[in-house]
Amino acid sequence: MGFDLGRFVKAQHEVYDNALQELRDGKKKSHWMWFIFPQIHGLG
């Protein structure tokens, strides 16, 4: 079974810089969590 890990890079592309800034600021303001930290199948 192959994994297309590029799909995560593609999903993260638009929000990654913003997510890093929010982490630095210590306050999450936008919806990036599932793109940066994908859920394990069956747990979300």
N, C-alpha and C. Protein backbone atom coordinates (compact mmCIF):
# COMPACT_ATOMS: atom_id res chain seq x y z
N MET A 1 0.85 -1.17 0.00
CA MET A 1 0.00 0.00 0.00
C MET A 1 0.90 1.24 0.00
N GLY A 2 0.73 2.09 -0.98
CA GLY A 2 1.53 3.31 -1.06
C GLY A 2 0.84 4.48 -0.38
N PHE A 3 1.65 5.41 0.05
CA PHE A 3 1.12 6.60 0.71
C PHE A 3 1.47 7.82 -0.11
N ASP A 4 0.51 8.68 -0.33
CA ASP A 4 0.74 9.92 -1.07
C ASP A 4 0.99 11.03 -0.06
N LEU A 5 2.21 11.11 0.45
CA LEU A 5 2.53 12.11 1.47
C LEU A 5 2.54 13.52 0.89
N GLY A 6 2.65 13.63 -0.42
CA GLY A 6 2.59 14.93 -1.07
C GLY A 6 1.27 15.65 -0.83
N ARG A 7 0.21 14.90 -0.56
CA ARG A 7 -1.09 15.53 -0.29
C ARG A 7 -1.05 16.37 0.97
N PHE A 8 -0.22 15.98 1.94
CA PHE A 8 -0.09 16.77 3.16
C PHE A 8 0.68 18.06 2.89
N VAL A 9 1.73 17.95 2.10
CA VAL A 9 2.50 19.14 1.74
C VAL A 9 1.61 20.11 0.98
N LYS A 10 0.81 19.59 0.06
CA LYS A 10 -0.10 20.44 -0.72
C LYS A 10 -1.12 21.12 0.20
N ALA A 11 -1.70 20.37 1.12
CA ALA A 11 -2.70 20.93 2.04
C ALA A 11 -2.08 21.96 2.97
N GLN A 12 -0.83 21.73 3.39
CA GLN A 12 -0.16 22.63 4.32
C GLN A 12 0.32 23.91 3.66
N HIS A 13 0.53 23.87 2.36
CA HIS A 13 1.15 24.99 1.65
C HIS A 13 0.50 26.34 1.95
N GLU A 14 -0.80 26.39 1.93
CA GLU A 14 -1.52 27.66 2.10
C GLU A 14 -1.53 28.16 3.54
N VAL A 15 -1.37 27.29 4.50
CA VAL A 15 -1.56 27.69 5.90
C VAL A 15 -0.31 27.57 6.77
N TYR A 16 0.76 27.00 6.24
CA TYR A 16 1.93 26.67 7.06
C TYR A 16 2.55 27.88 7.75
N ASP A 17 2.83 28.94 6.99
CA ASP A 17 3.45 30.13 7.58
C ASP A 17 2.57 30.75 8.66
N ASN A 18 1.27 30.78 8.40
CA ASN A 18 0.33 31.33 9.37
C ASN A 18 0.30 30.46 10.64
N ALA A 19 0.32 29.14 10.46
CA ALA A 19 0.33 28.23 11.61
C ALA A 19 1.58 28.44 12.45
N LEU A 20 2.73 28.58 11.82
CA LEU A 20 3.96 28.82 12.57
C LEU A 20 3.89 30.12 13.36
N GLN A 21 3.34 31.16 12.75
CA GLN A 21 3.23 32.44 13.44
C GLN A 21 2.29 32.33 14.64
N GLU A 22 1.18 31.63 14.47
CA GLU A 22 0.25 31.46 15.58
C GLU A 22 0.90 30.67 16.72
N LEU A 23 1.71 29.68 16.39
CA LEU A 23 2.42 28.93 17.42
C LEU A 23 3.41 29.83 18.15
N ARG A 24 4.11 30.66 17.40
CA ARG A 24 5.05 31.60 18.02
C ARG A 24 4.32 32.59 18.93
N ASP A 25 3.15 33.04 18.49
CA ASP A 25 2.36 34.00 19.26
C ASP A 25 1.70 33.36 20.48
N GLY A 26 1.60 32.04 20.48
CA GLY A 26 0.97 31.33 21.59
C GLY A 26 -0.55 31.39 21.56
N LYS A 27 -1.12 31.69 20.38
CA LYS A 27 -2.58 31.77 20.27
C LYS A 27 -3.02 31.30 18.89
N LYS A 28 -3.81 30.23 18.87
CA LYS A 28 -4.35 29.71 17.62
C LYS A 28 -5.58 30.53 17.24
N LYS A 29 -5.57 31.08 16.04
CA LYS A 29 -6.66 31.94 15.59
C LYS A 29 -7.41 31.40 14.37
N SER A 30 -6.78 30.53 13.62
CA SER A 30 -7.39 30.06 12.38
C SER A 30 -7.47 28.53 12.36
N HIS A 31 -8.02 27.99 11.29
CA HIS A 31 -8.29 26.55 11.19
C HIS A 31 -7.22 25.85 10.35
N TRP A 32 -6.13 25.50 10.97
CA TRP A 32 -5.04 24.82 10.27
C TRP A 32 -4.67 23.49 10.91
N MET A 33 -5.23 23.20 12.06
CA MET A 33 -4.80 22.05 12.86
C MET A 33 -4.80 20.73 12.08
N TRP A 34 -5.86 20.45 11.31
CA TRP A 34 -5.97 19.15 10.65
C TRP A 34 -5.06 19.05 9.44
N PHE A 35 -4.60 20.18 8.92
CA PHE A 35 -3.66 20.16 7.79
C PHE A 35 -2.23 19.96 8.26
N ILE A 36 -1.91 20.50 9.41
CA ILE A 36 -0.55 20.42 9.94
C ILE A 36 -0.34 19.14 10.75
N PHE A 37 -1.33 18.76 11.54
CA PHE A 37 -1.27 17.55 12.35
C PHE A 37 -2.41 16.63 11.95
N PRO A 38 -2.25 15.86 10.87
CA PRO A 38 -3.34 15.01 10.38
C PRO A 38 -3.78 14.00 11.43
N GLN A 39 -5.05 13.67 11.40
CA GLN A 39 -5.61 12.71 12.34
C GLN A 39 -5.28 11.29 11.92
N ILE A 40 -5.24 10.41 12.89
CA ILE A 40 -5.09 8.99 12.61
C ILE A 40 -6.48 8.46 12.26
N HIS A 41 -6.56 7.69 11.20
CA HIS A 41 -7.83 7.15 10.74
C HIS A 41 -8.58 6.47 11.90
N GLY A 42 -9.83 6.86 12.08
CA GLY A 42 -10.65 6.25 13.11
C GLY A 42 -10.63 6.96 14.45
N LEU A 43 -9.72 7.92 14.64
CA LEU A 43 -9.66 8.62 15.92
C LEU A 43 -10.28 10.01 15.86
N GLY A 44 -10.61 10.50 14.69
CA GLY A 44 -11.15 11.86 14.59
C GLY A 44 -12.52 11.82 14.16
